[in-house]
Structure formats: C-alpha cells, structure tokens
N, C-alpha and C. Protein backbone atom coordinates (compact mmCIF):
# COMPACT_ATOMS: atom_id res chain seq x y z
N UNK A 1 121.92 49.72 141.61
CA UNK A 1 122.25 49.25 140.33
C UNK A 1 122.44 50.80 139.97
N UNK A 2 123.70 50.46 138.99
CA UNK A 2 124.35 51.68 138.66
C UNK A 2 123.57 53.30 137.68
N UNK A 3 123.87 54.45 137.94
CA UNK A 3 123.01 55.22 137.06
C UNK A 3 123.80 55.42 136.03
N UNK A 4 122.31 56.09 134.60
CA UNK A 4 122.84 56.51 133.55
C UNK A 4 124.54 56.85 133.76
N UNK A 5 124.79 58.14 134.26
CA UNK A 5 126.08 58.71 134.45
C UNK A 5 127.44 57.72 134.81
N UNK A 6 127.10 57.00 135.47
CA UNK A 6 128.06 55.91 135.70
C UNK A 6 127.97 54.52 134.80
N UNK A 7 127.51 54.42 134.36
CA UNK A 7 127.57 53.31 133.42
C UNK A 7 128.13 53.75 132.08
N UNK A 8 127.98 55.44 131.01
CA UNK A 8 128.35 56.17 130.90
C UNK A 8 129.70 56.28 131.02
N UNK A 9 129.95 57.16 132.09
CA UNK A 9 132.04 56.61 132.60
C UNK A 9 132.20 55.76 132.33
N UNK A 10 131.43 54.02 133.16
CA UNK A 10 132.53 53.32 132.63
C UNK A 10 132.35 52.40 131.06
N UNK A 11 131.62 53.20 130.22
CA UNK A 11 131.61 52.63 129.07
C UNK A 11 132.97 53.42 128.31
N UNK A 12 133.64 54.73 128.69
CA UNK A 12 134.14 55.41 127.93
C UNK A 12 135.79 54.93 128.68
N UNK A 13 135.83 55.51 130.86
CA UNK A 13 137.23 54.90 130.56
C UNK A 13 137.69 53.35 130.41
N UNK A 14 137.01 52.45 129.87
CA UNK A 14 136.88 50.98 129.16
C UNK A 14 137.80 51.23 127.96
N UNK A 15 137.60 52.08 127.29
CA UNK A 15 138.47 52.31 126.21
C UNK A 15 139.50 53.48 126.03
N UNK A 16 140.49 53.69 127.29
CA UNK A 16 141.30 54.92 127.21
C UNK A 16 142.41 54.52 128.03
N UNK A 17 143.53 55.20 127.82
CA UNK A 17 144.67 55.01 128.27
C UNK A 17 145.01 56.33 128.51
N UNK A 18 145.63 56.10 129.89
CA UNK A 18 145.69 57.75 130.91
C UNK A 18 147.71 57.83 130.62
N UNK A 19 147.80 58.40 130.00
CA UNK A 19 148.92 59.37 129.08
C UNK A 19 149.74 60.60 130.54
N UNK A 20 150.33 59.55 131.36
CA UNK A 20 151.24 60.13 132.60
C UNK A 20 152.30 61.19 132.75
N UNK A 21 152.39 61.46 132.05
CA UNK A 21 153.16 62.79 131.05
C UNK A 21 152.23 63.94 131.10
N UNK A 22 151.10 63.92 130.41
CA UNK A 22 150.14 65.11 129.87
C UNK A 22 149.10 65.21 131.10
N UNK A 23 148.67 63.52 131.33
CA UNK A 23 147.36 63.52 131.92
C UNK A 23 145.88 63.25 131.36
N UNK A 24 146.88 63.57 129.89
CA UNK A 24 145.42 63.47 129.07
C UNK A 24 144.96 61.57 129.05
N UNK A 25 143.99 61.63 129.25
CA UNK A 25 142.84 60.43 129.08
C UNK A 25 142.47 60.33 127.31
N UNK A 26 144.05 59.73 126.50
CA UNK A 26 143.09 58.99 125.46
C UNK A 26 142.37 58.60 124.62
N UNK A 27 141.12 58.59 124.30
CA UNK A 27 140.68 57.22 124.01
C UNK A 27 141.77 56.61 122.71
N UNK A 28 141.13 54.83 123.02
CA UNK A 28 141.81 54.46 122.22
C UNK A 28 140.35 53.68 121.10
N UNK A 29 139.67 53.92 121.04
CA UNK A 29 138.12 53.20 120.08
C UNK A 29 138.15 53.95 118.83
N UNK A 30 137.28 54.03 118.25
CA UNK A 30 137.12 54.33 116.67
C UNK A 30 137.24 55.90 116.86
N UNK A 31 137.36 56.71 115.59
CA UNK A 31 137.33 57.93 115.70
C UNK A 31 136.65 58.19 114.09
N UNK A 32 136.27 59.56 114.40
CA UNK A 32 135.52 60.17 112.72
C UNK A 32 136.06 59.81 111.40
N UNK A 33 138.05 59.20 111.95
CA UNK A 33 138.23 59.53 110.39
C UNK A 33 139.23 60.25 110.55
N UNK A 34 139.86 60.30 109.05
CA UNK A 34 141.13 61.87 109.44
C UNK A 34 140.85 62.79 107.84
N UNK A 35 139.94 62.81 107.46
CA UNK A 35 139.53 64.17 106.47
C UNK A 35 137.95 65.00 107.04
N UNK A 36 137.33 66.04 106.85
CA UNK A 36 136.23 66.39 106.93
C UNK A 36 135.93 67.53 107.88
N UNK A 37 134.72 67.41 107.99
CA UNK A 37 134.49 68.08 109.62
C UNK A 37 134.57 67.25 110.67
N UNK A 38 135.06 67.67 111.42
CA UNK A 38 135.44 67.21 113.13
C UNK A 38 136.48 65.64 112.95
N UNK A 39 137.47 65.58 111.68
CA UNK A 39 137.91 64.55 111.48
C UNK A 39 139.02 64.35 112.64
N UNK A 40 139.50 62.86 113.11
CA UNK A 40 140.13 63.01 113.97
C UNK A 40 139.61 62.95 115.50
N UNK A 41 138.10 63.24 115.63
CA UNK A 41 138.04 63.33 117.02
C UNK A 41 137.43 62.05 117.89
N UNK A 42 137.73 61.39 118.80
CA UNK A 42 136.26 59.96 119.23
C UNK A 42 135.21 59.88 119.14
N UNK A 43 135.09 58.83 118.51
CA UNK A 43 133.80 58.62 118.34
C UNK A 43 132.98 57.38 119.27
N UNK A 44 132.05 56.91 119.73
CA UNK A 44 130.96 55.72 120.38
C UNK A 44 130.10 55.90 119.44
N UNK A 45 129.28 54.82 120.16
CA UNK A 45 128.13 54.10 120.18
C UNK A 45 127.11 54.58 120.95
N UNK A 46 126.01 55.33 121.48
CA UNK A 46 125.52 55.51 122.69
C UNK A 46 124.29 55.99 122.48
N UNK A 47 123.05 54.47 123.00
CA UNK A 47 121.71 54.60 122.80
C UNK A 47 121.32 54.35 121.10
N UNK A 48 122.40 53.85 120.31
CA UNK A 48 121.76 53.90 119.37
C UNK A 48 122.77 55.14 118.01
N UNK A 49 122.99 55.92 118.64
CA UNK A 49 124.28 57.02 117.73
C UNK A 49 125.49 57.24 117.78
N UNK A 50 125.93 57.77 116.83
CA UNK A 50 127.46 57.90 117.07
C UNK A 50 127.77 59.36 117.57
N UNK A 51 127.84 59.19 118.91
CA UNK A 51 128.26 60.55 119.33
C UNK A 51 129.76 61.04 119.42
N UNK A 52 130.06 61.93 120.15
CA UNK A 52 131.99 62.72 120.35
C UNK A 52 131.98 62.06 121.26
N UNK A 53 132.93 62.08 121.26
CA UNK A 53 133.42 61.17 122.69
C UNK A 53 133.45 62.37 124.10
N UNK A 54 134.15 63.13 123.62
CA UNK A 54 134.23 64.09 124.55
C UNK A 54 133.30 65.17 125.31
N UNK A 55 132.76 65.03 124.04
CA UNK A 55 131.58 65.76 124.39
C UNK A 55 130.57 64.29 125.23
N UNK A 56 130.39 63.77 125.24
CA UNK A 56 129.56 62.91 126.25
C UNK A 56 130.41 62.92 127.69
N UNK A 57 131.79 63.10 127.46
CA UNK A 57 132.47 62.65 128.67
C UNK A 57 132.05 64.50 129.51
N UNK A 58 132.19 65.33 128.66
CA UNK A 58 131.84 66.95 129.09
C UNK A 58 130.63 66.85 129.74
N UNK A 59 129.48 66.58 129.06
CA UNK A 59 128.75 66.96 129.34
C UNK A 59 127.73 65.96 130.64
N UNK A 60 128.32 64.43 130.76
CA UNK A 60 128.20 63.02 131.67
C UNK A 60 128.98 63.80 133.12
N UNK A 61 129.51 64.98 132.90
CA UNK A 61 130.37 65.67 133.98
C UNK A 61 130.20 66.57 134.34
N UNK A 62 130.13 67.62 133.81
CA UNK A 62 129.35 68.71 134.21
C UNK A 62 127.97 69.56 133.72
N UNK A 63 127.39 69.11 132.46
CA UNK A 63 125.98 69.23 132.72
C UNK A 63 125.87 69.70 130.64
N UNK A 64 124.88 69.90 130.61
CA UNK A 64 124.21 70.63 129.44
C UNK A 64 125.19 71.15 128.41
N UNK A 65 125.41 71.63 127.66
CA UNK A 65 126.45 72.15 126.48
C UNK A 65 125.55 73.49 125.90
N UNK A 66 125.88 74.50 126.24
CA UNK A 66 124.69 75.38 125.21
C UNK A 66 124.99 75.32 124.10
N UNK A 67 123.84 75.84 123.11
CA UNK A 67 124.24 76.42 121.38
C UNK A 67 124.86 76.54 121.07
N UNK A 68 125.27 77.99 121.59
CA UNK A 68 126.34 78.82 121.55
C UNK A 68 127.50 78.73 122.20
N UNK A 69 127.49 77.53 122.93
CA UNK A 69 129.44 76.93 123.12
C UNK A 69 130.03 76.04 122.14
N UNK A 70 131.02 76.23 122.61
CA UNK A 70 131.75 74.46 122.66
C UNK A 70 133.00 73.88 123.19
N UNK A 71 133.46 73.04 123.02
CA UNK A 71 134.47 72.24 124.37
C UNK A 71 135.79 72.56 123.54
N UNK A 72 136.42 72.61 123.90
CA UNK A 72 137.82 73.00 123.10
C UNK A 72 138.86 72.51 124.17
N UNK A 73 139.68 71.56 123.52
CA UNK A 73 140.55 70.88 123.85
C UNK A 73 141.93 72.01 124.17
N UNK A 74 142.29 72.50 125.81
CA UNK A 74 143.23 73.14 126.42
C UNK A 74 144.28 72.96 125.45
N UNK A 75 144.17 71.31 126.33
CA UNK A 75 145.49 70.40 126.05
C UNK A 75 146.15 70.21 124.31
N UNK A 76 145.58 70.43 123.73
CA UNK A 76 145.78 70.65 122.09
C UNK A 76 145.44 68.95 121.60
N UNK A 77 145.12 67.99 122.28
CA UNK A 77 144.96 66.70 121.97
C UNK A 77 143.65 66.66 121.47
N UNK A 78 143.20 65.88 120.60
CA UNK A 78 141.78 65.89 120.34
C UNK A 78 141.23 64.30 120.79
N UNK A 79 142.26 63.18 120.61
CA UNK A 79 141.86 61.98 121.83
C UNK A 79 141.65 62.04 122.72
N UNK A 80 141.93 63.02 123.59
CA UNK A 80 141.83 63.26 124.35
C UNK A 80 140.70 63.58 125.11
N UNK A 81 139.55 62.63 126.77
CA UNK A 81 138.53 62.97 126.60
C UNK A 81 138.32 63.41 127.93
N UNK A 82 139.48 63.85 128.87
CA UNK A 82 139.05 63.99 130.08
C UNK A 82 138.48 65.28 130.46
N UNK A 83 137.74 65.23 131.31
CA UNK A 83 136.51 66.24 131.93
C UNK A 83 137.23 67.47 132.94
N UNK A 84 138.23 67.39 132.14
CA UNK A 84 138.89 68.49 133.56
C UNK A 84 139.96 69.69 132.75
N UNK A 85 139.68 70.49 133.40
CA UNK A 85 139.49 71.99 132.77
C UNK A 85 140.90 72.77 132.80
N UNK A 86 141.84 71.57 132.88
CA UNK A 86 142.93 71.84 132.37
C UNK A 86 143.01 70.86 130.44
N UNK A 87 142.21 70.09 130.48
CA UNK A 87 141.96 69.44 128.76
C UNK A 87 140.59 69.71 128.54
N UNK A 88 139.59 70.15 129.07
CA UNK A 88 138.56 70.12 127.80
C UNK A 88 137.52 71.14 128.67
N UNK A 89 137.23 72.25 127.71
CA UNK A 89 136.89 73.17 128.93
C UNK A 89 135.73 73.85 127.87
N UNK A 90 134.45 74.69 128.11
CA UNK A 90 133.59 75.19 127.59
C UNK A 90 133.85 76.90 127.26
N UNK A 91 133.42 76.84 125.97
CA UNK A 91 134.10 78.11 125.42
C UNK A 91 133.43 78.82 124.32
N UNK A 92 133.33 80.20 123.97
CA UNK A 92 132.62 80.76 122.74
C UNK A 92 133.22 80.09 121.23
N UNK A 93 132.54 79.82 120.25
CA UNK A 93 132.96 80.11 119.16
C UNK A 93 134.34 80.83 118.87
N UNK A 94 134.24 82.08 119.31
CA UNK A 94 135.54 82.29 119.22
C UNK A 94 136.30 82.48 119.52
N UNK A 95 136.47 82.62 121.09
CA UNK A 95 137.64 82.07 122.18
C UNK A 95 138.27 80.64 121.49
N UNK A 96 137.86 79.82 121.03
CA UNK A 96 137.21 78.44 120.54
C UNK A 96 139.03 78.56 119.33
N UNK A 97 138.27 79.79 118.50
CA UNK A 97 139.02 79.93 117.14
C UNK A 97 140.30 80.47 117.35
N UNK A 98 140.33 81.22 118.17
CA UNK A 98 141.29 82.00 118.70
C UNK A 98 142.51 81.38 119.56
N UNK A 99 141.98 80.26 120.58
CA UNK A 99 142.67 79.26 120.34
C UNK A 99 143.51 78.70 119.12
N UNK A 100 142.95 77.50 118.87
CA UNK A 100 142.97 77.11 117.67
C UNK A 100 144.49 77.77 116.31
N UNK A 101 143.92 78.97 116.40
CA UNK A 101 145.17 80.07 115.60
C UNK A 101 146.41 79.97 116.17
N UNK A 102 145.95 80.32 117.77
CA UNK A 102 147.11 80.73 118.40
C UNK A 102 148.29 79.06 118.24
N UNK A 103 147.30 77.82 118.95
CA UNK A 103 148.48 76.50 118.63
C UNK A 103 148.63 76.70 117.17
N UNK A 104 148.16 77.05 115.59
CA UNK A 104 148.67 76.05 115.20
C UNK A 104 150.31 77.20 114.54
N UNK A 105 149.98 78.85 115.24
CA UNK A 105 151.39 79.53 114.75
C UNK A 105 152.60 78.82 115.49
N UNK A 106 152.34 77.97 116.69
CA UNK A 106 153.49 77.72 117.64
C UNK A 106 153.70 76.79 116.93
N UNK A 107 153.11 75.60 116.08
CA UNK A 107 153.34 74.66 116.05
C UNK A 107 154.46 74.83 114.31
N UNK A 108 153.96 76.07 113.67
CA UNK A 108 154.36 76.41 112.83
C UNK A 108 155.88 77.28 112.75
N UNK A 109 155.59 78.25 113.79
CA UNK A 109 157.15 78.79 114.84
C UNK A 109 158.12 77.54 115.37
N UNK A 110 157.62 76.34 115.86
CA UNK A 110 158.56 75.14 116.47
C UNK A 110 159.34 74.57 115.21
N UNK A 111 158.03 74.72 113.38
CA UNK A 111 158.40 73.36 112.76
C UNK A 111 159.61 74.76 112.34
N UNK A 112 160.04 76.17 111.87
CA UNK A 112 160.89 76.61 111.36
C UNK A 112 162.40 76.68 112.20
N UNK A 113 161.82 76.79 113.60
CA UNK A 113 163.29 76.54 114.68
C UNK A 113 163.94 75.34 114.73
N UNK A 114 163.21 74.68 113.92
CA UNK A 114 164.31 73.26 113.39
C UNK A 114 165.07 73.25 112.82
C-alpha cells in the first residue's frame, strides 16, 4: 500500500504540466483567485481542507516549515510547485520580501527598456 506521502505526491503530480524551458512544475488545478492575500497561488483539497499546493509539496518532500519561515518561489512563478531549491526555498520573511522587491524592480526596468 502507498504511503501518505506517495498519495499526496501522486495527487499533485496528476495536476501539473512540466515547463521544459524553465523546469517549473506548473499547477493546472484551481488557484486562490485574482485578488486579496495569497492571490494566484495554487490550491487543492487535502483531508477536507483547502491548502496551498506549493506548501504541501515542500512539506511533503522536505518536512516541517517552522512558523518563522516562508517558502519563496525562487523561479518567480506562483504556479510552480516543484520542491527543488531552484524553484522553492525556505527563507525568512525578510529574505522573501527582499527577493520580491528585487523581482518587481527587475520587471519594472524591463518594462521601461521596451
């Protein structure tokens, strides 16, 4: 019989497509919507609760996420659920905020250079 971890991984893998160019595992299931806190993040039902898929995958593969840590999308793709250090990384809230602002600044620079 499959372990709980294997069942969770299988449930997630059934709803992803792999982006060959970026290596991202793109969630094709429901998301949290377009507005509000946590907007645009993948969501799934697990044991009767709606949960963030990237957090489920990270926890399933790497273990507990301490209360003072966050999972950063290093690849900058909110729909990516690949639990690999080039895609998801456990960081402090401060590190996450710095990376987010850096990414926004880069996008703004790219838009201005067009």
